[in-house]
Amino acid sequence: MSTEKDFRDLRTDYSWGALEETSALQNPFDQFNKWYEEYAKLDALDSTAVTISTVDSAGVPDARVVLLKEVREGNFIFYTNHNSKKGKDLKQNPNVHLLFFWPEMERQIRIKGTAIFMEKEESEIYFNKRPFESRVAAAISPQSEVVPNREYLEEKFFNVLKEKEENDTVEMPKQWGGVKIAPQEFEFWQGRISRLHDRLRYLKVEGNWKIERLAP
């Protein structure tokens, strides 16, 4: 079987909408909320999914999809095991890039920012709201570490389920918690006909947001 594949003749012309300086909101958080509310109405699967890109100590980038849980006090917030690959990367280099891709509306949102780990007490508020099984999974999973097989994880998971009732307390692992991303730059991308896409960049300059148009 050939491993070669040619996608050069695949074409899509984007015609959902436009993004003009006259209609863009002055605050990028407001613009994000506006676009998200429009996207959420489409009932897309995992509408809060976002790609998080980090860089490790050797300068090698890595990316993975997580679910955004909050936008609060000027931060984008997700939760993870702080000893995972992404957690270790962020401890060594707090610079991070978020990418929301919403193909149903031919839109992307790119966000550059810095990561801050949340305090235990703040993380516990969300952890204790999670479904019982999700709390158990977080407690037994050595995220990003090599494990012998799936049976190893399932045995640990079901052993805890046998020991606990659904209303029992599951202690939040000390290495688990929230990560706040404080944005310094946003880019809103709207697909347009003939590849003349709209790209508006918001830069934080001396505490204020400056809007610039980028060439597609």
C-alpha atoms as a PDB file:
ATOM      1  CA  MET A   1       0.000   0.000   0.000  1.00  0.00           C
ATOM      2  CA  SER A   2       1.357   3.406  -0.991  1.00  0.00           C
ATOM      3  CA  THR A   3       2.113   5.804   1.850  1.00  0.00           C
ATOM      4  CA  GLU A   4       1.870   8.816  -0.457  1.00  0.00           C
ATOM      5  CA  LYS A   5      -1.190  11.049  -0.557  1.00  0.00           C
ATOM      6  CA  ASP A   6      -1.774  14.165  -2.619  1.00  0.00           C
ATOM      7  CA  PHE A   7      -4.168  16.787  -1.201  1.00  0.00           C
ATOM      8  CA  ARG A   8      -3.123  19.677  -3.440  1.00  0.00           C
ATOM      9  CA  ASP A   9      -6.373  19.723  -5.420  1.00  0.00           C
ATOM     10  CA  LEU A  10      -8.647  19.891  -2.379  1.00  0.00           C
ATOM     11  CA  ARG A  11     -10.346  23.307  -2.245  1.00  0.00           C
ATOM     12  CA  THR A  12     -12.800  25.025   0.067  1.00  0.00           C
ATOM     13  CA  ASP A  13     -14.023  28.566  -0.462  1.00  0.00           C
ATOM     14  CA  TYR A  14     -15.019  30.228   2.787  1.00  0.00           C
ATOM     15  CA  SER A  15     -18.153  32.352   2.780  1.00  0.00           C
ATOM     16  CA  TRP A  16     -19.601  32.252   6.313  1.00  0.00           C
ATOM     17  CA  GLY A  17     -18.952  35.869   7.144  1.00  0.00           C
ATOM     18  CA  ALA A  18     -16.519  38.735   7.536  1.00  0.00           C
ATOM     19  CA  LEU A  19     -14.512  40.375  10.309  1.00  0.00           C
ATOM     20  CA  GLU A  20     -14.119  44.120   9.890  1.00  0.00           C
ATOM     21  CA  GLU A  21     -12.486  46.653  12.180  1.00  0.00           C
ATOM     22  CA  THR A  22     -15.764  48.591  12.279  1.00  0.00           C
ATOM     23  CA  SER A  23     -17.682  45.614  13.702  1.00  0.00           C
ATOM     24  CA  ALA A  24     -14.967  44.090  15.914  1.00  0.00           C
ATOM     25  CA  LEU A  25     -15.382  44.747  19.624  1.00  0.00           C
ATOM     26  CA  GLN A  26     -12.620  46.794  21.248  1.00  0.00           C
ATOM     27  CA  ASN A  27     -11.939  44.276  24.013  1.00  0.00           C
ATOM     28  CA  PRO A  28     -10.730  40.839  22.787  1.00  0.00           C
ATOM     29  CA  PHE A  29     -12.447  39.045  25.675  1.00  0.00           C
ATOM     30  CA  ASP A  30     -15.750  40.538  24.528  1.00  0.00           C
ATOM     31  CA  GLN A  31     -14.974  39.498  20.952  1.00  0.00           C
ATOM     32  CA  PHE A  32     -14.140  35.972  22.140  1.00  0.00           C
ATOM     33  CA  ASN A  33     -17.403  35.751  24.093  1.00  0.00           C
ATOM     34  CA  LYS A  34     -19.387  36.989  21.087  1.00  0.00           C
ATOM     35  CA  TRP A  35     -17.842  34.422  18.752  1.00  0.00           C
ATOM     36  CA  TYR A  36     -18.132  31.621  21.315  1.00  0.00           C
ATOM     37  CA  GLU A  37     -21.827  32.314  21.920  1.00  0.00           C
ATOM     38  CA  GLU A  38     -22.436  32.172  18.161  1.00  0.00           C
ATOM     39  CA  TYR A  39     -20.503  28.910  17.896  1.00  0.00           C
ATOM     40  CA  ALA A  40     -22.210  27.307  20.885  1.00  0.00           C
ATOM     41  CA  LYS A  41     -25.591  27.740  19.173  1.00  0.00           C
ATOM     42  CA  LEU A  42     -24.450  25.228  16.536  1.00  0.00           C
ATOM     43  CA  ASP A  43     -24.300  22.463  19.191  1.00  0.00           C
ATOM     44  CA  ALA A  44     -20.851  21.434  17.964  1.00  0.00           C
ATOM     45  CA  LEU A  45     -19.172  18.565  19.822  1.00  0.00           C
ATOM     46  CA  ASP A  46     -16.866  19.851  22.592  1.00  0.00           C
ATOM     47  CA  SER A  47     -17.334  23.514  21.743  1.00  0.00           C
ATOM     48  CA  THR A  48     -14.768  24.479  24.418  1.00  0.00           C
ATOM     49  CA  ALA A  49     -12.010  22.295  22.954  1.00  0.00           C
ATOM     50  CA  VAL A  50      -8.738  24.199  22.572  1.00  0.00           C
ATOM     51  CA  THR A  51      -5.271  23.190  21.415  1.00  0.00           C
ATOM     52  CA  ILE A  52      -2.581  24.061  23.980  1.00  0.00           C
ATOM     53  CA  SER A  53       0.970  24.379  22.665  1.00  0.00           C
ATOM     54  CA  THR A  54       3.978  24.349  24.996  1.00  0.00           C
ATOM     55  CA  VAL A  55       7.762  24.179  24.633  1.00  0.00           C
ATOM     56  CA  ASP A  56       9.957  21.854  26.690  1.00  0.00           C
ATOM     57  CA  SER A  57      13.416  22.484  28.164  1.00  0.00           C
ATOM     58  CA  ALA A  58      15.070  21.353  24.915  1.00  0.00           C
ATOM     59  CA  GLY A  59      13.045  23.873  22.905  1.00  0.00           C
ATOM     60  CA  VAL A  60      10.843  21.192  21.339  1.00  0.00           C
ATOM     61  CA  PRO A  61       7.176  22.206  20.901  1.00  0.00           C
ATOM     62  CA  ASP A  62       4.261  19.992  21.869  1.00  0.00           C
ATOM     63  CA  ALA A  63       0.505  20.363  21.391  1.00  0.00           C
ATOM     64  CA  ARG A  64      -2.632  18.684  22.676  1.00  0.00           C
ATOM     65  CA  VAL A  65      -6.368  19.378  22.917  1.00  0.00           C
ATOM     66  CA  VAL A  66      -7.943  20.152  26.308  1.00  0.00           C
ATOM     67  CA  LEU A  67     -11.308  21.561  27.358  1.00  0.00           C
ATOM     68  CA  LEU A  68     -11.495  25.185  28.448  1.00  0.00           C
ATOM     69  CA  LYS A  69     -13.369  25.419  31.744  1.00  0.00           C
ATOM     70  CA  GLU A  70     -13.545  29.134  32.520  1.00  0.00           C
ATOM     71  CA  VAL A  71     -12.786  32.618  31.269  1.00  0.00           C
ATOM     72  CA  ARG A  72     -12.488  34.624  34.455  1.00  0.00           C
ATOM     73  CA  GLU A  73     -10.699  37.761  35.664  1.00  0.00           C
ATOM     74  CA  GLY A  74      -8.794  38.097  32.414  1.00  0.00           C
ATOM     75  CA  ASN A  75      -7.646  34.464  32.327  1.00  0.00           C
ATOM     76  CA  PHE A  76      -8.423  31.367  30.281  1.00  0.00           C
ATOM     77  CA  ILE A  77      -8.556  28.397  32.673  1.00  0.00           C
ATOM     78  CA  PHE A  78      -8.151  24.660  32.194  1.00  0.00           C
ATOM     79  CA  TYR A  79      -7.336  21.834  34.612  1.00  0.00           C
ATOM     80  CA  THR A  80      -4.729  19.102  34.397  1.00  0.00           C
ATOM     81  CA  ASN A  81      -2.206  16.976  36.253  1.00  0.00           C
ATOM     82  CA  HIS A  82       0.701  19.336  36.951  1.00  0.00           C
ATOM     83  CA  ASN A  83       3.135  16.425  36.590  1.00  0.00           C
ATOM     84  CA  SER A  84       1.869  15.666  33.078  1.00  0.00           C
ATOM     85  CA  LYS A  85       3.961  16.551  30.030  1.00  0.00           C
ATOM     86  CA  LYS A  86       2.117  19.846  29.583  1.00  0.00           C
ATOM     87  CA  GLY A  87       2.435  20.628  33.297  1.00  0.00           C
ATOM     88  CA  LYS A  88       6.184  20.009  33.283  1.00  0.00           C
ATOM     89  CA  ASP A  89       6.600  22.107  30.140  1.00  0.00           C
ATOM     90  CA  LEU A  90       4.737  25.015  31.714  1.00  0.00           C
ATOM     91  CA  LYS A  91       6.822  24.846  34.891  1.00  0.00           C
ATOM     92  CA  GLN A  92       9.982  25.212  32.794  1.00  0.00           C
ATOM     93  CA  ASN A  93       8.564  27.702  30.291  1.00  0.00           C
ATOM     94  CA  PRO A  94       5.275  29.471  31.129  1.00  0.00           C
ATOM     95  CA  ASN A  95       4.835  30.823  27.595  1.00  0.00           C
ATOM     96  CA  VAL A  96       1.863  29.122  25.977  1.00  0.00           C
ATOM     97  CA  HIS A  97      -0.256  29.300  22.836  1.00  0.00           C
ATOM     98  CA  LEU A  98      -3.986  28.499  22.651  1.00  0.00           C
ATOM     99  CA  LEU A  99      -5.780  27.714  19.386  1.00  0.00           C
ATOM    100  CA  PHE A 100      -9.542  27.461  18.998  1.00  0.00           C
ATOM    101  CA  PHE A 101     -10.569  26.028  15.600  1.00  0.00           C
ATOM    102  CA  TRP A 102     -14.254  26.285  14.707  1.00  0.00           C
ATOM    103  CA  PRO A 103     -14.525  24.944  11.129  1.00  0.00           C
ATOM    104  CA  GLU A 104     -18.330  25.079  11.098  1.00  0.00           C
ATOM    105  CA  MET A 105     -18.027  28.884  11.177  1.00  0.00           C
ATOM    106  CA  GLU A 106     -14.685  29.041   9.310  1.00  0.00           C
ATOM    107  CA  ARG A 107     -13.018  30.694  12.302  1.00  0.00           C
ATOM    108  CA  GLN A 108      -9.879  30.411  14.373  1.00  0.00           C
ATOM    109  CA  ILE A 109      -8.817  32.241  17.521  1.00  0.00           C
ATOM    110  CA  ARG A 110      -5.136  32.226  18.466  1.00  0.00           C
ATOM    111  CA  ILE A 111      -4.029  33.422  21.901  1.00  0.00           C
ATOM    112  CA  LYS A 112      -0.501  33.924  23.224  1.00  0.00           C
ATOM    113  CA  GLY A 113      -0.083  34.167  26.951  1.00  0.00           C
ATOM    114  CA  THR A 114       1.630  33.133  30.164  1.00  0.00           C
ATOM    115  CA  ALA A 115       0.652  30.281  32.440  1.00  0.00           C
ATOM    116  CA  ILE A 116       0.137  30.538  36.202  1.00  0.00           C
ATOM    117  CA  PHE A 117      -0.697  27.501  38.358  1.00  0.00           C
ATOM    118  CA  MET A 118      -3.753  27.932  40.543  1.00  0.00           C
ATOM    119  CA  GLU A 119      -3.661  27.552  44.309  1.00  0.00           C
ATOM    120  CA  LYS A 120      -4.865  24.247  45.778  1.00  0.00           C
ATOM    121  CA  GLU A 121      -7.945  25.723  47.446  1.00  0.00           C
ATOM    122  CA  GLU A 122      -9.110  27.333  44.207  1.00  0.00           C
ATOM    123  CA  SER A 123      -8.555  24.128  42.221  1.00  0.00           C
ATOM    124  CA  GLU A 124     -10.463  22.058  44.786  1.00  0.00           C
ATOM    125  CA  ILE A 125     -13.640  24.059  44.156  1.00  0.00           C
ATOM    126  CA  TYR A 126     -13.774  22.753  40.587  1.00  0.00           C
ATOM    127  CA  PHE A 127     -12.411  19.275  41.386  1.00  0.00           C
ATOM    128  CA  ASN A 128     -15.213  18.618  43.862  1.00  0.00           C
ATOM    129  CA  LYS A 129     -17.811  19.608  41.258  1.00  0.00           C
ATOM    130  CA  ARG A 130     -16.596  16.962  38.801  1.00  0.00           C
ATOM    131  CA  PRO A 131     -18.529  13.703  38.365  1.00  0.00           C
ATOM    132  CA  PHE A 132     -17.509  11.006  40.845  1.00  0.00           C
ATOM    133  CA  GLU A 133     -15.918   8.773  38.179  1.00  0.00           C
ATOM    134  CA  SER A 134     -13.920  11.695  36.775  1.00  0.00           C
ATOM    135  CA  ARG A 135     -12.507  12.459  40.226  1.00  0.00           C
ATOM    136  CA  VAL A 136     -11.517   8.809  40.648  1.00  0.00           C
ATOM    137  CA  ALA A 137      -9.857   8.751  37.220  1.00  0.00           C
ATOM    138  CA  ALA A 138      -7.827  11.862  38.075  1.00  0.00           C
ATOM    139  CA  ALA A 139      -6.808  10.338  41.410  1.00  0.00           C
ATOM    140  CA  ILE A 140      -5.503   7.045  39.970  1.00  0.00           C
ATOM    141  CA  SER A 141      -3.940   8.269  36.709  1.00  0.00           C
ATOM    142  CA  PRO A 142      -0.181   9.011  36.564  1.00  0.00           C
ATOM    143  CA  GLN A 143      -0.846  11.219  33.540  1.00  0.00           C
ATOM    144  CA  SER A 144       1.749  11.090  30.732  1.00  0.00           C
ATOM    145  CA  GLU A 145       3.721   8.293  32.426  1.00  0.00           C
ATOM    146  CA  VAL A 146       4.239   4.897  30.785  1.00  0.00           C
ATOM    147  CA  VAL A 147       1.886   2.195  32.129  1.00  0.00           C
ATOM    148  CA  PRO A 148       1.949  -1.564  31.373  1.00  0.00           C
ATOM    149  CA  ASN A 149      -1.457  -1.718  29.648  1.00  0.00           C
ATOM    150  CA  ARG A 150      -5.062  -0.533  29.863  1.00  0.00           C
ATOM    151  CA  GLU A 151      -5.917  -3.333  32.303  1.00  0.00           C
ATOM    152  CA  TYR A 152      -3.500  -1.770  34.799  1.00  0.00           C
ATOM    153  CA  LEU A 153      -5.472   1.490  34.769  1.00  0.00           C
ATOM    154  CA  GLU A 154      -8.867  -0.196  34.810  1.00  0.00           C
ATOM    155  CA  GLU A 155      -7.899  -2.356  37.785  1.00  0.00           C
ATOM    156  CA  LYS A 156      -6.850   0.701  39.788  1.00  0.00           C
ATOM    157  CA  PHE A 157      -9.998   2.566  38.718  1.00  0.00           C
ATOM    158  CA  PHE A 158     -12.470  -0.199  39.565  1.00  0.00           C
ATOM    159  CA  ASN A 159     -10.729  -1.023  42.844  1.00  0.00           C
ATOM    160  CA  VAL A 160     -11.407   2.511  44.030  1.00  0.00           C
ATOM    161  CA  LEU A 161     -15.006   2.333  42.799  1.00  0.00           C
ATOM    162  CA  LYS A 162     -15.520  -0.841  44.851  1.00  0.00           C
ATOM    163  CA  GLU A 163     -14.140   0.825  47.958  1.00  0.00           C
ATOM    164  CA  LYS A 164     -16.166   4.030  47.725  1.00  0.00           C
ATOM    165  CA  GLU A 165     -19.791   5.020  47.433  1.00  0.00           C
ATOM    166  CA  GLU A 166     -20.721   7.636  44.831  1.00  0.00           C
ATOM    167  CA  ASN A 167     -21.131  10.336  47.471  1.00  0.00           C
ATOM    168  CA  ASP A 168     -17.819   9.559  49.154  1.00  0.00           C
ATOM    169  CA  THR A 169     -15.067  12.141  49.131  1.00  0.00           C
ATOM    170  CA  VAL A 170     -12.303  11.681  46.589  1.00  0.00           C
ATOM    171  CA  GLU A 171      -9.290  13.700  47.656  1.00  0.00           C
ATOM    172  CA  MET A 172      -7.841  15.874  44.942  1.00  0.00           C
ATOM    173  CA  PRO A 173      -4.340  14.657  44.038  1.00  0.00           C
ATOM    174  CA  LYS A 174      -1.700  17.137  45.186  1.00  0.00           C
ATOM    175  CA  GLN A 175      -0.262  17.296  41.660  1.00  0.00           C
ATOM    176  CA  TRP A 176      -3.646  18.108  40.044  1.00  0.00           C
ATOM    177  CA  GLY A 177      -5.110  21.559  39.557  1.00  0.00           C
ATOM    178  CA  GLY A 178      -5.967  24.519  37.418  1.00  0.00           C
ATOM    179  CA  VAL A 179      -3.823  26.540  35.045  1.00  0.00           C
ATOM    180  CA  LYS A 180      -4.603  30.183  34.276  1.00  0.00           C
ATOM    181  CA  ILE A 181      -3.484  31.623  30.966  1.00  0.00           C
ATOM    182  CA  ALA A 182      -3.085  35.412  30.983  1.00  0.00           C
ATOM    183  CA  PRO A 183      -3.291  36.557  27.331  1.00  0.00           C
ATOM    184  CA  GLN A 184      -0.950  39.134  25.854  1.00  0.00           C
ATOM    185  CA  GLU A 185      -2.079  38.732  22.244  1.00  0.00           C
ATOM    186  CA  PHE A 186      -5.219  37.552  20.413  1.00  0.00           C
ATOM    187  CA  GLU A 187      -5.730  36.871  16.725  1.00  0.00           C
ATOM    188  CA  PHE A 188      -9.231  36.390  15.300  1.00  0.00           C
ATOM    189  CA  TRP A 189      -9.285  34.689  11.892  1.00  0.00           C
ATOM    190  CA  GLN A 190     -12.318  34.558   9.624  1.00  0.00           C
ATOM    191  CA  GLY A 191     -12.117  32.557   6.393  1.00  0.00           C
ATOM    192  CA  ARG A 192     -13.009  34.533   3.260  1.00  0.00           C
ATOM    193  CA  ILE A 193     -13.470  33.883  -0.443  1.00  0.00           C
ATOM    194  CA  SER A 194     -10.337  33.410  -2.608  1.00  0.00           C
ATOM    195  CA  ARG A 195      -8.154  33.046   0.492  1.00  0.00           C
ATOM    196  CA  LEU A 196      -8.345  36.763   1.297  1.00  0.00           C
ATOM    197  CA  HIS A 197      -9.025  35.888   4.913  1.00  0.00           C
ATOM    198  CA  ASP A 198      -9.695  38.427   7.660  1.00  0.00           C
ATOM    199  CA  ARG A 199      -7.112  38.479  10.458  1.00  0.00           C
ATOM    200  CA  LEU A 200      -7.395  40.960  13.313  1.00  0.00           C
ATOM    201  CA  ARG A 201      -4.711  40.968  15.984  1.00  0.00           C
ATOM    202  CA  TYR A 202      -5.198  42.459  19.449  1.00  0.00           C
ATOM    203  CA  LEU A 203      -1.937  43.443  21.155  1.00  0.00           C
ATOM    204  CA  LYS A 204      -1.734  44.503  24.786  1.00  0.00           C
ATOM    205  CA  VAL A 205       0.241  47.764  24.873  1.00  0.00           C
ATOM    206  CA  GLU A 206       0.671  49.523  28.224  1.00  0.00           C
ATOM    207  CA  GLY A 207      -2.494  47.944  29.568  1.00  0.00           C
ATOM    208  CA  ASN A 208      -4.621  48.782  26.513  1.00  0.00           C
ATOM    209  CA  TRP A 209      -5.626  46.636  23.520  1.00  0.00           C
ATOM    210  CA  LYS A 210      -4.462  47.754  20.080  1.00  0.00           C
ATOM    211  CA  ILE A 211      -6.171  46.257  17.001  1.00  0.00           C
ATOM    212  CA  GLU A 212      -4.184  45.583  13.815  1.00  0.00           C
ATOM    213  CA  ARG A 213      -5.129  43.901  10.540  1.00  0.00           C
ATOM    214  CA  LEU A 214      -2.744  41.191   9.309  1.00  0.00           C
ATOM    215  CA  ALA A 215      -2.377  40.089   5.700  1.00  0.00           C
ATOM    216  CA  PRO A 216      -3.805  36.606   5.077  1.00  0.00           C
END
